[in-house]
Amino acid sequence: MEVYRIKGWREHFETAKTLEYNRCQRITFTNRLNNIQRKRLLKSKDGPGFLAVWFSVCQYHSSQSKPRNGYLTENGEPEGMPLTTADIADLVGLPPTLVKGALERLSEPDIGWMEKIPVEVGVPGDQPETAVASQSSSLSTPLHSTLKSSLEEKP
């Protein structure tokens, strides 16, 4: 199994202020439109849709609890249960085929905004507490409940 990771999350998306917050309510993107990777992405088949996936995935990740290091797992941590492309599509409200294509394209070396990291995921029963068994309860939390609770939190 693989986990997707947003490369350079802390360098590109965190500030001294956002590092203080457990969950962020907004995210800052660069306003430079001359970025070569962005131009390459937009020239791709489905490029504008891929850019929408990129923005949505970054928005989702910014709402996860700190520390935020770019891991697309159910808890945002490297040892968390990796989110599948179907999970990500459900979370960001975009078509699964578009999300799958975008994650692949964003991970290609000429774009390089994401990376795929191979991980081993425990099978229930392998250990007293496996990744699957210990983290499955939070996967059933509705997204709107998660977002609502993050809006109510104070830094």
C-alpha atoms as a PDB file:
ATOM      1  CA  MET A   1       0.000   0.000   0.000  1.00  0.00           C
ATOM      2  CA  GLU A   2       1.098   3.594  -0.554  1.00  0.00           C
ATOM      3  CA  VAL A   3       0.424   6.870   1.185  1.00  0.00           C
ATOM      4  CA  TYR A   4       0.358  10.148  -0.683  1.00  0.00           C
ATOM      5  CA  ARG A   5       2.260  13.045   0.844  1.00  0.00           C
ATOM      6  CA  ILE A   6       2.241  16.719  -0.077  1.00  0.00           C
ATOM      7  CA  LYS A   7       5.918  17.559  -0.533  1.00  0.00           C
ATOM      8  CA  GLY A   8       7.290  20.493   1.425  1.00  0.00           C
ATOM      9  CA  TRP A   9       4.043  21.107   3.319  1.00  0.00           C
ATOM     10  CA  ARG A  10       5.650  23.022   6.175  1.00  0.00           C
ATOM     11  CA  GLU A  11       7.833  25.146   3.900  1.00  0.00           C
ATOM     12  CA  HIS A  12       5.043  26.054   1.467  1.00  0.00           C
ATOM     13  CA  PHE A  13       1.871  26.180   3.564  1.00  0.00           C
ATOM     14  CA  GLU A  14       2.718  26.742   7.223  1.00  0.00           C
ATOM     15  CA  THR A  15       3.580  30.069   8.821  1.00  0.00           C
ATOM     16  CA  ALA A  16       4.633  30.945  12.355  1.00  0.00           C
ATOM     17  CA  LYS A  17       0.965  31.728  13.044  1.00  0.00           C
ATOM     18  CA  THR A  18      -0.526  28.539  11.543  1.00  0.00           C
ATOM     19  CA  LEU A  19       1.922  26.418  13.511  1.00  0.00           C
ATOM     20  CA  GLU A  20       0.202  27.702  16.663  1.00  0.00           C
ATOM     21  CA  TYR A  21      -3.209  26.352  15.617  1.00  0.00           C
ATOM     22  CA  ASN A  22      -4.272  22.771  16.162  1.00  0.00           C
ATOM     23  CA  ARG A  23      -6.518  23.004  13.080  1.00  0.00           C
ATOM     24  CA  CYS A  24      -6.375  25.786  10.512  1.00  0.00           C
ATOM     25  CA  GLN A  25      -9.489  27.427   9.128  1.00  0.00           C
ATOM     26  CA  ARG A  26      -7.814  28.743   5.979  1.00  0.00           C
ATOM     27  CA  ILE A  27      -4.797  28.128   3.805  1.00  0.00           C
ATOM     28  CA  THR A  28      -2.519  30.460   1.858  1.00  0.00           C
ATOM     29  CA  PHE A  29      -1.443  29.715  -1.706  1.00  0.00           C
ATOM     30  CA  THR A  30       1.140  31.524  -3.776  1.00  0.00           C
ATOM     31  CA  ASN A  31      -0.171  34.097  -6.234  1.00  0.00           C
ATOM     32  CA  ARG A  32       2.634  33.443  -8.717  1.00  0.00           C
ATOM     33  CA  LEU A  33       1.016  32.266 -11.929  1.00  0.00           C
ATOM     34  CA  ASN A  34       4.323  31.767 -13.766  1.00  0.00           C
ATOM     35  CA  ASN A  35       5.255  28.594 -11.856  1.00  0.00           C
ATOM     36  CA  ILE A  36       6.473  26.028 -14.423  1.00  0.00           C
ATOM     37  CA  GLN A  37       4.926  23.071 -12.596  1.00  0.00           C
ATOM     38  CA  ARG A  38       1.535  24.831 -12.551  1.00  0.00           C
ATOM     39  CA  LYS A  39       1.807  25.509 -16.288  1.00  0.00           C
ATOM     40  CA  ARG A  40       2.698  21.865 -16.960  1.00  0.00           C
ATOM     41  CA  LEU A  41      -0.204  20.681 -14.826  1.00  0.00           C
ATOM     42  CA  LEU A  42      -2.710  22.926 -16.607  1.00  0.00           C
ATOM     43  CA  LYS A  43      -1.504  21.675 -20.016  1.00  0.00           C
ATOM     44  CA  SER A  44      -2.260  18.087 -18.948  1.00  0.00           C
ATOM     45  CA  LYS A  45      -5.440  16.388 -20.049  1.00  0.00           C
ATOM     46  CA  ASP A  46      -7.874  17.298 -17.230  1.00  0.00           C
ATOM     47  CA  GLY A  47      -5.303  19.835 -15.975  1.00  0.00           C
ATOM     48  CA  PRO A  48      -7.803  22.397 -14.621  1.00  0.00           C
ATOM     49  CA  GLY A  49      -9.603  19.582 -12.793  1.00  0.00           C
ATOM     50  CA  PHE A  50      -6.280  18.346 -11.415  1.00  0.00           C
ATOM     51  CA  LEU A  51      -5.589  21.847 -10.089  1.00  0.00           C
ATOM     52  CA  ALA A  52      -8.996  21.788  -8.367  1.00  0.00           C
ATOM     53  CA  VAL A  53      -8.044  18.465  -6.764  1.00  0.00           C
ATOM     54  CA  TRP A  54      -4.729  19.970  -5.624  1.00  0.00           C
ATOM     55  CA  PHE A  55      -6.432  22.940  -3.970  1.00  0.00           C
ATOM     56  CA  SER A  56      -9.046  20.686  -2.354  1.00  0.00           C
ATOM     57  CA  VAL A  57      -6.494  18.195  -1.020  1.00  0.00           C
ATOM     58  CA  CYS A  58      -4.437  21.045   0.455  1.00  0.00           C
ATOM     59  CA  GLN A  59      -7.557  22.549   2.038  1.00  0.00           C
ATOM     60  CA  TYR A  60      -8.450  19.193   3.552  1.00  0.00           C
ATOM     61  CA  HIS A  61      -4.944  18.610   4.898  1.00  0.00           C
ATOM     62  CA  SER A  62      -4.751  22.093   6.428  1.00  0.00           C
ATOM     63  CA  SER A  63      -7.810  21.267   8.549  1.00  0.00           C
ATOM     64  CA  GLN A  64      -6.133  18.244  10.121  1.00  0.00           C
ATOM     65  CA  SER A  65      -4.638  18.446  13.598  1.00  0.00           C
ATOM     66  CA  LYS A  66      -1.033  19.512  13.988  1.00  0.00           C
ATOM     67  CA  PRO A  67       1.625  18.602  13.274  1.00  0.00           C
ATOM     68  CA  ARG A  68       0.718  18.853   9.601  1.00  0.00           C
ATOM     69  CA  ASN A  69       3.453  17.350   7.453  1.00  0.00           C
ATOM     70  CA  GLY A  70       1.590  16.575   4.242  1.00  0.00           C
ATOM     71  CA  TYR A  71       0.583  12.957   4.884  1.00  0.00           C
ATOM     72  CA  LEU A  72      -2.784  12.010   3.388  1.00  0.00           C
ATOM     73  CA  THR A  73      -3.739   9.636   6.159  1.00  0.00           C
ATOM     74  CA  GLU A  74      -6.879   9.540   8.252  1.00  0.00           C
ATOM     75  CA  ASN A  75      -5.115  11.468  11.030  1.00  0.00           C
ATOM     76  CA  GLY A  76      -2.491  13.345   8.974  1.00  0.00           C
ATOM     77  CA  GLU A  77       0.397  11.499  10.606  1.00  0.00           C
ATOM     78  CA  PRO A  78       2.900   9.217   8.835  1.00  0.00           C
ATOM     79  CA  GLU A  79       1.807   6.150  10.804  1.00  0.00           C
ATOM     80  CA  GLY A  80      -1.900   6.841  10.179  1.00  0.00           C
ATOM     81  CA  MET A  81      -4.124   4.739   7.938  1.00  0.00           C
ATOM     82  CA  PRO A  82      -3.469   5.873   4.338  1.00  0.00           C
ATOM     83  CA  LEU A  83      -6.440   7.433   2.585  1.00  0.00           C
ATOM     84  CA  THR A  84      -7.390   5.717  -0.664  1.00  0.00           C
ATOM     85  CA  THR A  85      -8.213   7.740  -3.751  1.00  0.00           C
ATOM     86  CA  ALA A  86     -11.886   6.897  -3.103  1.00  0.00           C
ATOM     87  CA  ASP A  87     -11.547   8.219   0.475  1.00  0.00           C
ATOM     88  CA  ILE A  88      -9.949  11.417  -0.779  1.00  0.00           C
ATOM     89  CA  ALA A  89     -12.617  11.843  -3.458  1.00  0.00           C
ATOM     90  CA  ASP A  90     -15.331  11.501  -0.812  1.00  0.00           C
ATOM     91  CA  LEU A  91     -13.603  13.972   1.512  1.00  0.00           C
ATOM     92  CA  VAL A  92     -13.104  16.681  -1.111  1.00  0.00           C
ATOM     93  CA  GLY A  93     -16.314  16.033  -3.057  1.00  0.00           C
ATOM     94  CA  LEU A  94     -14.737  15.433  -6.452  1.00  0.00           C
ATOM     95  CA  PRO A  95     -15.067  12.462  -8.843  1.00  0.00           C
ATOM     96  CA  PRO A  96     -12.841   9.480  -7.926  1.00  0.00           C
ATOM     97  CA  THR A  97     -11.437   9.155 -11.453  1.00  0.00           C
ATOM     98  CA  LEU A  98     -10.413  12.824 -11.447  1.00  0.00           C
ATOM     99  CA  VAL A  99      -8.809  12.479  -8.001  1.00  0.00           C
ATOM    100  CA  LYS A 100      -6.925   9.325  -9.022  1.00  0.00           C
ATOM    101  CA  GLY A 101      -5.588  10.974 -12.182  1.00  0.00           C
ATOM    102  CA  ALA A 102      -4.635  14.129 -10.302  1.00  0.00           C
ATOM    103  CA  LEU A 103      -2.764  12.305  -7.538  1.00  0.00           C
ATOM    104  CA  GLU A 104      -0.796  10.360 -10.135  1.00  0.00           C
ATOM    105  CA  ARG A 105      -0.006  13.500 -12.160  1.00  0.00           C
ATOM    106  CA  LEU A 106       0.893  15.566  -9.087  1.00  0.00           C
ATOM    107  CA  SER A 107       3.332  12.801  -8.068  1.00  0.00           C
ATOM    108  CA  GLU A 108       5.160  12.710 -11.398  1.00  0.00           C
ATOM    109  CA  PRO A 109       8.701  14.173 -11.302  1.00  0.00           C
ATOM    110  CA  ASP A 110       7.953  17.061 -13.690  1.00  0.00           C
ATOM    111  CA  ILE A 111       5.266  18.366 -11.298  1.00  0.00           C
ATOM    112  CA  GLY A 112       6.586  16.937  -8.010  1.00  0.00           C
ATOM    113  CA  TRP A 113       4.055  18.516  -5.654  1.00  0.00           C
ATOM    114  CA  MET A 114       3.226  15.144  -4.120  1.00  0.00           C
ATOM    115  CA  GLU A 115       4.965  11.850  -3.561  1.00  0.00           C
ATOM    116  CA  LYS A 116       3.889   8.256  -3.044  1.00  0.00           C
ATOM    117  CA  ILE A 117       5.497   6.518  -0.106  1.00  0.00           C
ATOM    118  CA  PRO A 118       5.231   2.725   0.260  1.00  0.00           C
ATOM    119  CA  VAL A 119       3.867   1.672   3.658  1.00  0.00           C
ATOM    120  CA  GLU A 120       2.991  -1.575   5.340  1.00  0.00           C
ATOM    121  CA  VAL A 121      -0.415  -1.669   6.917  1.00  0.00           C
ATOM    122  CA  GLY A 122      -1.157  -4.230   9.613  1.00  0.00           C
ATOM    123  CA  VAL A 123      -3.883  -6.789   9.167  1.00  0.00           C
ATOM    124  CA  PRO A 124      -6.442  -6.917  11.990  1.00  0.00           C
ATOM    125  CA  GLY A 125      -5.305  -9.546  14.467  1.00  0.00           C
ATOM    126  CA  ASP A 126      -1.577  -9.262  13.676  1.00  0.00           C
ATOM    127  CA  GLN A 127      -0.980  -7.252  16.834  1.00  0.00           C
ATOM    128  CA  PRO A 128      -3.085  -6.330  19.841  1.00  0.00           C
ATOM    129  CA  GLU A 129      -3.621  -2.880  18.322  1.00  0.00           C
ATOM    130  CA  THR A 130      -3.097  -2.612  14.571  1.00  0.00           C
ATOM    131  CA  ALA A 131      -3.310   0.492  12.457  1.00  0.00           C
ATOM    132  CA  VAL A 132      -6.573  -0.754  11.008  1.00  0.00           C
ATOM    133  CA  ALA A 133      -8.191  -1.647  14.308  1.00  0.00           C
ATOM    134  CA  SER A 134      -7.081   1.334  16.367  1.00  0.00           C
ATOM    135  CA  GLN A 135      -7.938   4.018  13.830  1.00  0.00           C
ATOM    136  CA  SER A 136     -11.100   2.805  12.150  1.00  0.00           C
ATOM    137  CA  SER A 137     -13.471   4.659  14.481  1.00  0.00           C
ATOM    138  CA  SER A 138     -12.363   8.094  13.283  1.00  0.00           C
ATOM    139  CA  LEU A 139     -12.972   7.088   9.662  1.00  0.00           C
ATOM    140  CA  SER A 140     -16.686   6.914  10.400  1.00  0.00           C
ATOM    141  CA  THR A 141     -16.849  10.506  11.689  1.00  0.00           C
ATOM    142  CA  PRO A 142     -18.818  12.565   9.167  1.00  0.00           C
ATOM    143  CA  LEU A 143     -16.738  15.258   7.476  1.00  0.00           C
ATOM    144  CA  HIS A 144     -19.199  17.998   8.438  1.00  0.00           C
ATOM    145  CA  SER A 145     -18.780  17.041  12.117  1.00  0.00           C
ATOM    146  CA  THR A 146     -15.020  17.191  11.780  1.00  0.00           C
ATOM    147  CA  LEU A 147     -15.171  20.583  10.081  1.00  0.00           C
ATOM    148  CA  LYS A 148     -17.668  21.928  12.614  1.00  0.00           C
ATOM    149  CA  SER A 149     -15.482  20.857  15.536  1.00  0.00           C
ATOM    150  CA  SER A 150     -12.422  22.431  13.909  1.00  0.00           C
ATOM    151  CA  LEU A 151     -14.279  25.728  13.555  1.00  0.00           C
ATOM    152  CA  GLU A 152     -15.214  25.672  17.227  1.00  0.00           C
ATOM    153  CA  GLU A 153     -11.644  25.037  18.415  1.00  0.00           C
ATOM    154  CA  LYS A 154      -9.532  27.919  19.598  1.00  0.00           C
ATOM    155  CA  PRO A 155      -5.769  28.160  19.098  1.00  0.00           C
END
